[in-house]
Amino acid sequence: MRILILLLATGFALPAVADQKLAEKKNCLACHGVKEKIVGPAFKDVAAKYAGQSGAAQQLAAKIQKGGSGVWGEMAMPPNDVTPAEARTLADWVLSLK
């Protein structure tokens, strides 16, 4: 119980785990590592690129949902089977990984 209270008090540990679970469920980690590039960029690199940009979460959520190309090289990211809410949750999580 004390550990749960500590995790909730810190505010970052519990949501980070939950959002990584969504990334696993939606197969994001097949192409992206949290710290390392796989096919696509590492999520920490994405967070660094978008750090401090106004509207970054909305922009990234749209790319997660619709796909995109040309930002990280020639390999295109296909559209993903996520709801707008899931895309925003994933975007917020990725951007928290600075």
PDB file of N, CA and C in Angstrom:
ATOM      1  N   MET A   1       0.816  -1.186   0.000  1.00  0.00           N
ATOM      2  CA  MET A   1       0.000   0.000   0.000  1.00  0.00           C
ATOM      3  C   MET A   1       0.862   1.252   0.000  1.00  0.00           C
ATOM      4  N   ARG A   2       1.935   1.253   0.785  1.00  0.00           N
ATOM      5  CA  ARG A   2       2.824   2.418   0.835  1.00  0.00           C
ATOM      6  C   ARG A   2       3.456   2.689  -0.526  1.00  0.00           C
ATOM      7  N   ILE A   3       3.802   1.630  -1.236  1.00  0.00           N
ATOM      8  CA  ILE A   3       4.408   1.797  -2.556  1.00  0.00           C
ATOM      9  C   ILE A   3       3.415   2.426  -3.512  1.00  0.00           C
ATOM     10  N   LEU A   4       2.178   1.987  -3.482  1.00  0.00           N
ATOM     11  CA  LEU A   4       1.147   2.563  -4.346  1.00  0.00           C
ATOM     12  C   LEU A   4       0.959   4.043  -4.042  1.00  0.00           C
ATOM     13  N   ILE A   5       0.923   4.400  -2.781  1.00  0.00           N
ATOM     14  CA  ILE A   5       0.786   5.809  -2.398  1.00  0.00           C
ATOM     15  C   ILE A   5       1.992   6.596  -2.894  1.00  0.00           C
ATOM     16  N   LEU A   6       3.177   6.052  -2.747  1.00  0.00           N
ATOM     17  CA  LEU A   6       4.384   6.715  -3.226  1.00  0.00           C
ATOM     18  C   LEU A   6       4.340   6.899  -4.737  1.00  0.00           C
ATOM     19  N   LEU A   7       3.930   5.882  -5.468  1.00  0.00           N
ATOM     20  CA  LEU A   7       3.826   5.992  -6.925  1.00  0.00           C
ATOM     21  C   LEU A   7       2.798   7.045  -7.322  1.00  0.00           C
ATOM     22  N   LEU A   8       1.669   7.052  -6.658  1.00  0.00           N
ATOM     23  CA  LEU A   8       0.651   8.040  -6.972  1.00  0.00           C
ATOM     24  C   LEU A   8       1.124   9.452  -6.627  1.00  0.00           C
ATOM     25  N   ALA A   9       1.860   9.587  -5.541  1.00  0.00           N
ATOM     26  CA  ALA A   9       2.359  10.898  -5.132  1.00  0.00           C
ATOM     27  C   ALA A   9       3.384  11.447  -6.117  1.00  0.00           C
ATOM     28  N   THR A  10       4.189  10.577  -6.722  1.00  0.00           N
ATOM     29  CA  THR A  10       5.189  11.046  -7.671  1.00  0.00           C
ATOM     30  C   THR A  10       4.559  11.442  -8.988  1.00  0.00           C
ATOM     31  N   GLY A  11       3.434  10.838  -9.332  1.00  0.00           N
ATOM     32  CA  GLY A  11       2.677  11.250 -10.496  1.00  0.00           C
ATOM     33  C   GLY A  11       3.192  10.770 -11.832  1.00  0.00           C
ATOM     34  N   PHE A  12       4.367  10.163 -11.903  1.00  0.00           N
ATOM     35  CA  PHE A  12       4.866   9.769 -13.215  1.00  0.00           C
ATOM     36  C   PHE A  12       5.021   8.274 -13.391  1.00  0.00           C
ATOM     37  N   ALA A  13       5.249   7.538 -12.375  1.00  0.00           N
ATOM     38  CA  ALA A  13       5.550   6.118 -12.529  1.00  0.00           C
ATOM     39  C   ALA A  13       4.339   5.305 -12.976  1.00  0.00           C
ATOM     40  N   LEU A  14       3.224   5.495 -12.346  1.00  0.00           N
ATOM     41  CA  LEU A  14       2.055   4.693 -12.672  1.00  0.00           C
ATOM     42  C   LEU A  14       1.509   5.004 -14.062  1.00  0.00           C
ATOM     43  N   PRO A  15       1.298   6.275 -14.444  1.00  0.00           N
ATOM     44  CA  PRO A  15       0.822   6.549 -15.804  1.00  0.00           C
ATOM     45  C   PRO A  15       1.803   6.085 -16.877  1.00  0.00           C
ATOM     46  N   ALA A  16       3.094   6.203 -16.633  1.00  0.00           N
ATOM     47  CA  ALA A  16       4.071   5.778 -17.630  1.00  0.00           C
ATOM     48  C   ALA A  16       3.939   4.296 -17.920  1.00  0.00           C
ATOM     49  N   VAL A  17       3.725   3.504 -16.892  1.00  0.00           N
ATOM     50  CA  VAL A  17       3.551   2.072 -17.083  1.00  0.00           C
ATOM     51  C   VAL A  17       2.266   1.806 -17.856  1.00  0.00           C
ATOM     52  N   ALA A  18       1.186   2.464 -17.480  1.00  0.00           N
ATOM     53  CA  ALA A  18      -0.097   2.241 -18.142  1.00  0.00           C
ATOM     54  C   ALA A  18      -0.017   2.609 -19.618  1.00  0.00           C
ATOM     55  N   ASP A  19       0.648   3.693 -19.956  1.00  0.00           N
ATOM     56  CA  ASP A  19       0.730   4.120 -21.341  1.00  0.00           C
ATOM     57  C   ASP A  19       1.690   3.253 -22.143  1.00  0.00           C
ATOM     58  N   GLN A  20       2.711   2.724 -21.518  1.00  0.00           N
ATOM     59  CA  GLN A  20       3.570   1.780 -22.214  1.00  0.00           C
ATOM     60  C   GLN A  20       2.782   0.512 -22.508  1.00  0.00           C
ATOM     61  N   LYS A  21       1.892   0.145 -21.636  1.00  0.00           N
ATOM     62  CA  LYS A  21       1.037  -1.021 -21.889  1.00  0.00           C
ATOM     63  C   LYS A  21       0.171  -0.780 -23.123  1.00  0.00           C
ATOM     64  N   LEU A  22      -0.345   0.436 -23.292  1.00  0.00           N
ATOM     65  CA  LEU A  22      -1.123   0.757 -24.487  1.00  0.00           C
ATOM     66  C   LEU A  22      -0.232   0.684 -25.724  1.00  0.00           C
ATOM     67  N   ALA A  23       0.995   1.174 -25.624  1.00  0.00           N
ATOM     68  CA  ALA A  23       1.935   1.098 -26.751  1.00  0.00           C
ATOM     69  C   ALA A  23       2.224  -0.361 -27.113  1.00  0.00           C
ATOM     70  N   GLU A  24       2.344  -1.206 -26.106  1.00  0.00           N
ATOM     71  CA  GLU A  24       2.552  -2.630 -26.362  1.00  0.00           C
ATOM     72  C   GLU A  24       1.314  -3.235 -27.017  1.00  0.00           C
ATOM     73  N   LYS A  25       0.147  -2.911 -26.481  1.00  0.00           N
ATOM     74  CA  LYS A  25      -1.113  -3.451 -27.006  1.00  0.00           C
ATOM     75  C   LYS A  25      -1.325  -3.042 -28.458  1.00  0.00           C
ATOM     76  N   LYS A  26      -0.961  -1.825 -28.803  1.00  0.00           N
ATOM     77  CA  LYS A  26      -1.176  -1.316 -30.159  1.00  0.00           C
ATOM     78  C   LYS A  26       0.012  -1.613 -31.082  1.00  0.00           C
ATOM     79  N   ASN A  27       0.973  -2.388 -30.602  1.00  0.00           N
ATOM     80  CA  ASN A  27       2.125  -2.858 -31.379  1.00  0.00           C
ATOM     81  C   ASN A  27       3.101  -1.755 -31.778  1.00  0.00           C
ATOM     82  N   CYS A  28       3.092  -0.640 -31.065  1.00  0.00           N
ATOM     83  CA  CYS A  28       4.021   0.463 -31.352  1.00  0.00           C
ATOM     84  C   CYS A  28       5.476   0.033 -31.157  1.00  0.00           C
ATOM     85  N   LEU A  29       5.692  -0.850 -30.181  1.00  0.00           N
ATOM     86  CA  LEU A  29       7.057  -1.233 -29.830  1.00  0.00           C
ATOM     87  C   LEU A  29       7.667  -2.218 -30.824  1.00  0.00           C
ATOM     88  N   ALA A  30       6.902  -2.623 -31.822  1.00  0.00           N
ATOM     89  CA  ALA A  30       7.475  -3.443 -32.889  1.00  0.00           C
ATOM     90  C   ALA A  30       8.415  -2.603 -33.752  1.00  0.00           C
ATOM     91  N   CYS A  31       8.146  -1.308 -33.848  1.00  0.00           N
ATOM     92  CA  CYS A  31       8.952  -0.419 -34.702  1.00  0.00           C
ATOM     93  C   CYS A  31       9.706   0.659 -33.938  1.00  0.00           C
ATOM     94  N   HIS A  32       9.294   0.939 -32.702  1.00  0.00           N
ATOM     95  CA  HIS A  32       9.920   1.997 -31.902  1.00  0.00           C
ATOM     96  C   HIS A  32      10.356   1.452 -30.561  1.00  0.00           C
ATOM     97  N   GLY A  33      11.578   1.737 -30.170  1.00  0.00           N
ATOM     98  CA  GLY A  33      12.011   1.460 -28.813  1.00  0.00           C
ATOM     99  C   GLY A  33      11.821   2.705 -27.978  1.00  0.00           C
ATOM    100  N   VAL A  34      11.767   2.551 -26.680  1.00  0.00           N
ATOM    101  CA  VAL A  34      11.675   3.722 -25.820  1.00  0.00           C
ATOM    102  C   VAL A  34      12.978   4.510 -25.891  1.00  0.00           C
ATOM    103  N   LYS A  35      14.105   3.816 -25.823  1.00  0.00           N
ATOM    104  CA  LYS A  35      15.413   4.478 -25.815  1.00  0.00           C
ATOM    105  C   LYS A  35      16.222   4.249 -27.084  1.00  0.00           C
ATOM    106  N   GLU A  36      15.806   3.311 -27.927  1.00  0.00           N
ATOM    107  CA  GLU A  36      16.610   2.983 -29.103  1.00  0.00           C
ATOM    108  C   GLU A  36      15.751   2.956 -30.361  1.00  0.00           C
ATOM    109  N   LYS A  37      16.368   3.335 -31.458  1.00  0.00           N
ATOM    110  CA  LYS A  37      15.729   3.277 -32.765  1.00  0.00           C
ATOM    111  C   LYS A  37      15.603   1.808 -33.163  1.00  0.00           C
ATOM    112  N   ILE A  38      14.466   1.451 -33.712  1.00  0.00           N
ATOM    113  CA  ILE A  38      14.294   0.113 -34.276  1.00  0.00           C
ATOM    114  C   ILE A  38      14.101   0.331 -35.774  1.00  0.00           C
ATOM    115  N   VAL A  39      12.886   0.386 -36.237  1.00  0.00           N
ATOM    116  CA  VAL A  39      12.601   0.796 -37.615  1.00  0.00           C
ATOM    117  C   VAL A  39      12.355   2.295 -37.622  1.00  0.00           C
ATOM    118  N   GLY A  40      11.549   2.730 -36.657  1.00  0.00           N
ATOM    119  CA  GLY A  40      11.281   4.154 -36.481  1.00  0.00           C
ATOM    120  C   GLY A  40      12.133   4.702 -35.353  1.00  0.00           C
ATOM    121  N   PRO A  41      12.054   5.985 -35.124  1.00  0.00           N
ATOM    122  CA  PRO A  41      12.891   6.609 -34.091  1.00  0.00           C
ATOM    123  C   PRO A  41      12.521   6.152 -32.683  1.00  0.00           C
ATOM    124  N   ALA A  42      13.482   6.269 -31.778  1.00  0.00           N
ATOM    125  CA  ALA A  42      13.218   5.994 -30.365  1.00  0.00           C
ATOM    126  C   ALA A  42      12.233   7.026 -29.843  1.00  0.00           C
ATOM    127  N   PHE A  43      11.354   6.614 -28.962  1.00  0.00           N
ATOM    128  CA  PHE A  43      10.374   7.537 -28.411  1.00  0.00           C
ATOM    129  C   PHE A  43      11.051   8.699 -27.676  1.00  0.00           C
ATOM    130  N   LYS A  44      12.180   8.454 -27.019  1.00  0.00           N
ATOM    131  CA  LYS A  44      12.897   9.550 -26.342  1.00  0.00           C
ATOM    132  C   LYS A  44      13.394  10.574 -27.354  1.00  0.00           C
ATOM    133  N   ASP A  45      13.782  10.140 -28.544  1.00  0.00           N
ATOM    134  CA  ASP A  45      14.209  11.070 -29.588  1.00  0.00           C
ATOM    135  C   ASP A  45      13.029  11.889 -30.107  1.00  0.00           C
ATOM    136  N   VAL A  46      11.877  11.249 -30.218  1.00  0.00           N
ATOM    137  CA  VAL A  46      10.663  11.959 -30.640  1.00  0.00           C
ATOM    138  C   VAL A  46      10.328  13.024 -29.601  1.00  0.00           C
ATOM    139  N   ALA A  47      10.383  12.652 -28.323  1.00  0.00           N
ATOM    140  CA  ALA A  47      10.091  13.606 -27.249  1.00  0.00           C
ATOM    141  C   ALA A  47      11.052  14.788 -27.301  1.00  0.00           C
ATOM    142  N   ALA A  48      12.327  14.517 -27.546  1.00  0.00           N
ATOM    143  CA  ALA A  48      13.318  15.600 -27.614  1.00  0.00           C
ATOM    144  C   ALA A  48      13.048  16.519 -28.803  1.00  0.00           C
ATOM    145  N   LYS A  49      12.665  15.954 -29.934  1.00  0.00           N
ATOM    146  CA  LYS A  49      12.410  16.747 -31.135  1.00  0.00           C
ATOM    147  C   LYS A  49      11.221  17.692 -30.946  1.00  0.00           C
ATOM    148  N   TYR A  50      10.199  17.226 -30.253  1.00  0.00           N
ATOM    149  CA  TYR A  50       8.980  18.017 -30.074  1.00  0.00           C
ATOM    150  C   TYR A  50       8.970  18.838 -28.784  1.00  0.00           C
ATOM    151  N   ALA A  51       9.995  18.721 -27.968  1.00  0.00           N
ATOM    152  CA  ALA A  51      10.024  19.400 -26.669  1.00  0.00           C
ATOM    153  C   ALA A  51       9.798  20.901 -26.830  1.00  0.00           C
ATOM    154  N   GLY A  52       8.865  21.401 -26.046  1.00  0.00           N
ATOM    155  CA  GLY A  52       8.601  22.835 -26.013  1.00  0.00           C
ATOM    156  C   GLY A  52       7.798  23.380 -27.173  1.00  0.00           C
ATOM    157  N   GLN A  53       7.410  22.551 -28.124  1.00  0.00           N
ATOM    158  CA  GLN A  53       6.644  23.024 -29.274  1.00  0.00           C
ATOM    159  C   GLN A  53       5.167  23.106 -28.931  1.00  0.00           C
ATOM    160  N   SER A  54       4.576  24.222 -29.247  1.00  0.00           N
ATOM    161  CA  SER A  54       3.149  24.401 -29.035  1.00  0.00           C
ATOM    162  C   SER A  54       2.373  23.460 -29.955  1.00  0.00           C
ATOM    163  N   GLY A  55       1.393  22.777 -29.408  1.00  0.00           N
ATOM    164  CA  GLY A  55       0.562  21.867 -30.199  1.00  0.00           C
ATOM    165  C   GLY A  55       1.225  20.551 -30.542  1.00  0.00           C
ATOM    166  N   ALA A  56       2.338  20.234 -29.899  1.00  0.00           N
ATOM    167  CA  ALA A  56       3.077  19.014 -30.220  1.00  0.00           C
ATOM    168  C   ALA A  56       2.239  17.761 -29.981  1.00  0.00           C
ATOM    169  N   ALA A  57       1.490  17.719 -28.891  1.00  0.00           N
ATOM    170  CA  ALA A  57       0.706  16.524 -28.587  1.00  0.00           C
ATOM    171  C   ALA A  57      -0.356  16.275 -29.651  1.00  0.00           C
ATOM    172  N   GLN A  58      -1.021  17.329 -30.091  1.00  0.00           N
ATOM    173  CA  GLN A  58      -2.045  17.169 -31.123  1.00  0.00           C
ATOM    174  C   GLN A  58      -1.409  16.731 -32.444  1.00  0.00           C
ATOM    175  N   GLN A  59      -0.291  17.339 -32.789  1.00  0.00           N
ATOM    176  CA  GLN A  59       0.400  17.005 -34.035  1.00  0.00           C
ATOM    177  C   GLN A  59       0.877  15.556 -34.015  1.00  0.00           C
ATOM    178  N   LEU A  60       1.472  15.150 -32.911  1.00  0.00           N
ATOM    179  CA  LEU A  60       1.968  13.782 -32.798  1.00  0.00           C
ATOM    180  C   LEU A  60       0.817  12.778 -32.774  1.00  0.00           C
ATOM    181  N   ALA A  61      -0.276  13.106 -32.095  1.00  0.00           N
ATOM    182  CA  ALA A  61      -1.440  12.216 -32.068  1.00  0.00           C
ATOM    183  C   ALA A  61      -1.982  12.002 -33.478  1.00  0.00           C
ATOM    184  N   ALA A  62      -2.015  13.056 -34.278  1.00  0.00           N
ATOM    185  CA  ALA A  62      -2.488  12.928 -35.668  1.00  0.00           C
ATOM    186  C   ALA A  62      -1.572  12.015 -36.466  1.00  0.00           C
ATOM    187  N   LYS A  63      -0.260  12.142 -36.253  1.00  0.00           N
ATOM    188  CA  LYS A  63       0.693  11.277 -36.967  1.00  0.00           C
ATOM    189  C   LYS A  63       0.561   9.831 -36.519  1.00  0.00           C
ATOM    190  N   ILE A  64       0.320   9.628 -35.242  1.00  0.00           N
ATOM    191  CA  ILE A  64       0.136   8.269 -34.736  1.00  0.00           C
ATOM    192  C   ILE A  64      -1.081   7.640 -35.400  1.00  0.00           C
ATOM    193  N   GLN A  65      -2.143   8.386 -35.492  1.00  0.00           N
ATOM    194  CA  GLN A  65      -3.381   7.845 -36.037  1.00  0.00           C
ATOM    195  C   GLN A  65      -3.343   7.715 -37.559  1.00  0.00           C
ATOM    196  N   LYS A  66      -2.835   8.732 -38.256  1.00  0.00           N
ATOM    197  CA  LYS A  66      -2.909   8.763 -39.720  1.00  0.00           C
ATOM    198  C   LYS A  66      -1.648   8.294 -40.421  1.00  0.00           C
ATOM    199  N   GLY A  67      -0.542   8.191 -39.682  1.00  0.00           N
ATOM    200  CA  GLY A  67       0.731   7.846 -40.298  1.00  0.00           C
ATOM    201  C   GLY A  67       1.444   9.096 -40.782  1.00  0.00           C
ATOM    202  N   GLY A  68       2.610   8.916 -41.337  1.00  0.00           N
ATOM    203  CA  GLY A  68       3.374  10.054 -41.826  1.00  0.00           C
ATOM    204  C   GLY A  68       4.672   9.604 -42.451  1.00  0.00           C
ATOM    205  N   SER A  69       5.358  10.558 -43.084  1.00  0.00           N
ATOM    206  CA  SER A  69       6.643  10.236 -43.698  1.00  0.00           C
ATOM    207  C   SER A  69       7.475  11.499 -43.848  1.00  0.00           C
ATOM    208  N   GLY A  70       8.768  11.282 -44.045  1.00  0.00           N
ATOM    209  CA  GLY A  70       9.678  12.372 -44.341  1.00  0.00           C
ATOM    210  C   GLY A  70      10.265  13.097 -43.150  1.00  0.00           C
ATOM    211  N   VAL A  71       9.778  12.858 -41.950  1.00  0.00           N
ATOM    212  CA  VAL A  71      10.296  13.555 -40.779  1.00  0.00           C
ATOM    213  C   VAL A  71      11.545  12.864 -40.232  1.00  0.00           C
ATOM    214  N   TRP A  72      11.557  11.535 -40.277  1.00  0.00           N
ATOM    215  CA  TRP A  72      12.645  10.755 -39.688  1.00  0.00           C
ATOM    216  C   TRP A  72      13.398   9.945 -40.738  1.00  0.00           C
ATOM    217  N   GLY A  73      13.262  10.282 -41.990  1.00  0.00           N
ATOM    218  CA  GLY A  73      13.939   9.539 -43.045  1.00  0.00           C
ATOM    219  C   GLY A  73      12.938   9.044 -44.070  1.00  0.00           C
ATOM    220  N   GLU A  74      13.376   8.110 -44.868  1.00  0.00           N
ATOM    221  CA  GLU A  74      12.557   7.634 -45.980  1.00  0.00           C
ATOM    222  C   GLU A  74      11.449   6.663 -45.565  1.00  0.00           C
ATOM    223  N   MET A  75      11.632   5.950 -44.477  1.00  0.00           N
ATOM    224  CA  MET A  75      10.649   4.960 -44.044  1.00  0.00           C
ATOM    225  C   MET A  75       9.386   5.649 -43.557  1.00  0.00           C
ATOM    226  N   ALA A  76       8.261   5.311 -44.156  1.00  0.00           N
ATOM    227  CA  ALA A  76       6.977   5.886 -43.748  1.00  0.00           C
ATOM    228  C   ALA A  76       6.389   5.109 -42.581  1.00  0.00           C
ATOM    229  N   MET A  77       5.680   5.818 -41.720  1.00  0.00           N
ATOM    230  CA  MET A  77       4.932   5.161 -40.654  1.00  0.00           C
ATOM    231  C   MET A  77       3.498   4.991 -41.154  1.00  0.00           C
ATOM    232  N   PRO A  78       2.989   3.774 -41.156  1.00  0.00           N
ATOM    233  CA  PRO A  78       1.622   3.555 -41.636  1.00  0.00           C
ATOM    234  C   PRO A  78       0.601   4.077 -40.625  1.00  0.00           C
ATOM    235  N   PRO A  79      -0.631   4.271 -41.064  1.00  0.00           N
ATOM    236  CA  PRO A  79      -1.697   4.622 -40.118  1.00  0.00           C
ATOM    237  C   PRO A  79      -1.838   3.509 -39.076  1.00  0.00           C
ATOM    238  N   ASN A  80      -2.256   3.888 -37.890  1.00  0.00           N
ATOM    239  CA  ASN A  80      -2.400   2.922 -36.805  1.00  0.00           C
ATOM    240  C   ASN A  80      -3.857   2.794 -36.393  1.00  0.00           C
ATOM    241  N   ASP A  81      -4.220   1.606 -35.977  1.00  0.00           N
ATOM    242  CA  ASP A  81      -5.588   1.319 -35.549  1.00  0.00           C
ATOM    243  C   ASP A  81      -5.767   1.767 -34.100  1.00  0.00           C
ATOM    244  N   VAL A  82      -5.880   3.085 -33.928  1.00  0.00           N
ATOM    245  CA  VAL A  82      -6.090   3.674 -32.607  1.00  0.00           C
ATOM    246  C   VAL A  82      -7.214   4.697 -32.703  1.00  0.00           C
ATOM    247  N   THR A  83      -7.913   4.869 -31.612  1.00  0.00           N
ATOM    248  CA  THR A  83      -8.927   5.914 -31.550  1.00  0.00           C
ATOM    249  C   THR A  83      -8.233   7.259 -31.355  1.00  0.00           C
ATOM    250  N   PRO A  84      -8.913   8.365 -31.586  1.00  0.00           N
ATOM    251  CA  PRO A  84      -8.305   9.668 -31.293  1.00  0.00           C
ATOM    252  C   PRO A  84      -7.850   9.784 -29.834  1.00  0.00           C
ATOM    253  N   ALA A  85      -8.632   9.243 -28.908  1.00  0.00           N
ATOM    254  CA  ALA A  85      -8.250   9.295 -27.492  1.00  0.00           C
ATOM    255  C   ALA A  85      -6.996   8.463 -27.226  1.00  0.00           C
ATOM    256  N   GLU A  86      -6.905   7.285 -27.833  1.00  0.00           N
ATOM    257  CA  GLU A  86      -5.709   6.454 -27.661  1.00  0.00           C
ATOM    258  C   GLU A  86      -4.490   7.138 -28.279  1.00  0.00           C
ATOM    259  N   ALA A  87      -4.673   7.745 -29.441  1.00  0.00           N
ATOM    260  CA  ALA A  87      -3.562   8.448 -30.090  1.00  0.00           C
ATOM    261  C   ALA A  87      -3.064   9.576 -29.204  1.00  0.00           C
ATOM    262  N   ARG A  88      -3.962  10.307 -28.582  1.00  0.00           N
ATOM    263  CA  ARG A  88      -3.565  11.409 -27.691  1.00  0.00           C
ATOM    264  C   ARG A  88      -2.871  10.874 -26.445  1.00  0.00           C
ATOM    265  N   THR A  89      -3.368   9.779 -25.895  1.00  0.00           N
ATOM    266  CA  THR A  89      -2.733   9.162 -24.732  1.00  0.00           C
ATOM    267  C   THR A  89      -1.305   8.737 -25.076  1.00  0.00           C
ATOM    268  N   LEU A  90      -1.146   8.105 -26.228  1.00  0.00           N
ATOM    269  CA  LEU A  90       0.193   7.680 -26.669  1.00  0.00           C
ATOM    270  C   LEU A  90       1.096   8.888 -26.904  1.00  0.00           C
ATOM    271  N   ALA A  91       0.568   9.919 -27.534  1.00  0.00           N
ATOM    272  CA  ALA A  91       1.358  11.130 -27.801  1.00  0.00           C
ATOM    273  C   ALA A  91       1.815  11.767 -26.488  1.00  0.00           C
ATOM    274  N   ASP A  92       0.901  11.905 -25.539  1.00  0.00           N
ATOM    275  CA  ASP A  92       1.258  12.483 -24.246  1.00  0.00           C
ATOM    276  C   ASP A  92       2.325  11.651 -23.555  1.00  0.00           C
ATOM    277  N   TRP A  93       2.200  10.335 -23.643  1.00  0.00           N
ATOM    278  CA  TRP A  93       3.197   9.457 -23.024  1.00  0.00           C
ATOM    279  C   TRP A  93       4.552   9.622 -23.695  1.00  0.00           C
ATOM    280  N   VAL A  94       4.587   9.580 -25.012  1.00  0.00           N
ATOM    281  CA  VAL A  94       5.847   9.733 -25.739  1.00  0.00           C
ATOM    282  C   VAL A  94       6.505  11.057 -25.372  1.00  0.00           C
ATOM    283  N   LEU A  95       5.732  12.129 -25.341  1.00  0.00           N
ATOM    284  CA  LEU A  95       6.292  13.448 -25.041  1.00  0.00           C
ATOM    285  C   LEU A  95       6.782  13.557 -23.593  1.00  0.00           C
ATOM    286  N   SER A  96       6.308  12.670 -22.727  1.00  0.00           N
ATOM    287  CA  SER A  96       6.770  12.684 -21.327  1.00  0.00           C
ATOM    288  C   SER A  96       8.107  11.986 -21.144  1.00  0.00           C
ATOM    289  N   LEU A  97       8.626  11.360 -22.166  1.00  0.00           N
ATOM    290  CA  LEU A  97       9.825  10.517 -22.050  1.00  0.00           C
ATOM    291  C   LEU A  97      11.137  11.267 -22.245  1.00  0.00           C
ATOM    292  N   LYS A  98      11.182  12.516 -22.035  1.00  0.00           N
ATOM    293  CA  LYS A  98      12.360  13.359 -22.271  1.00  0.00           C
ATOM    294  C   LYS A  98      13.634  12.778 -21.755  1.00  0.00           C
TER     295      LYS A  98
END
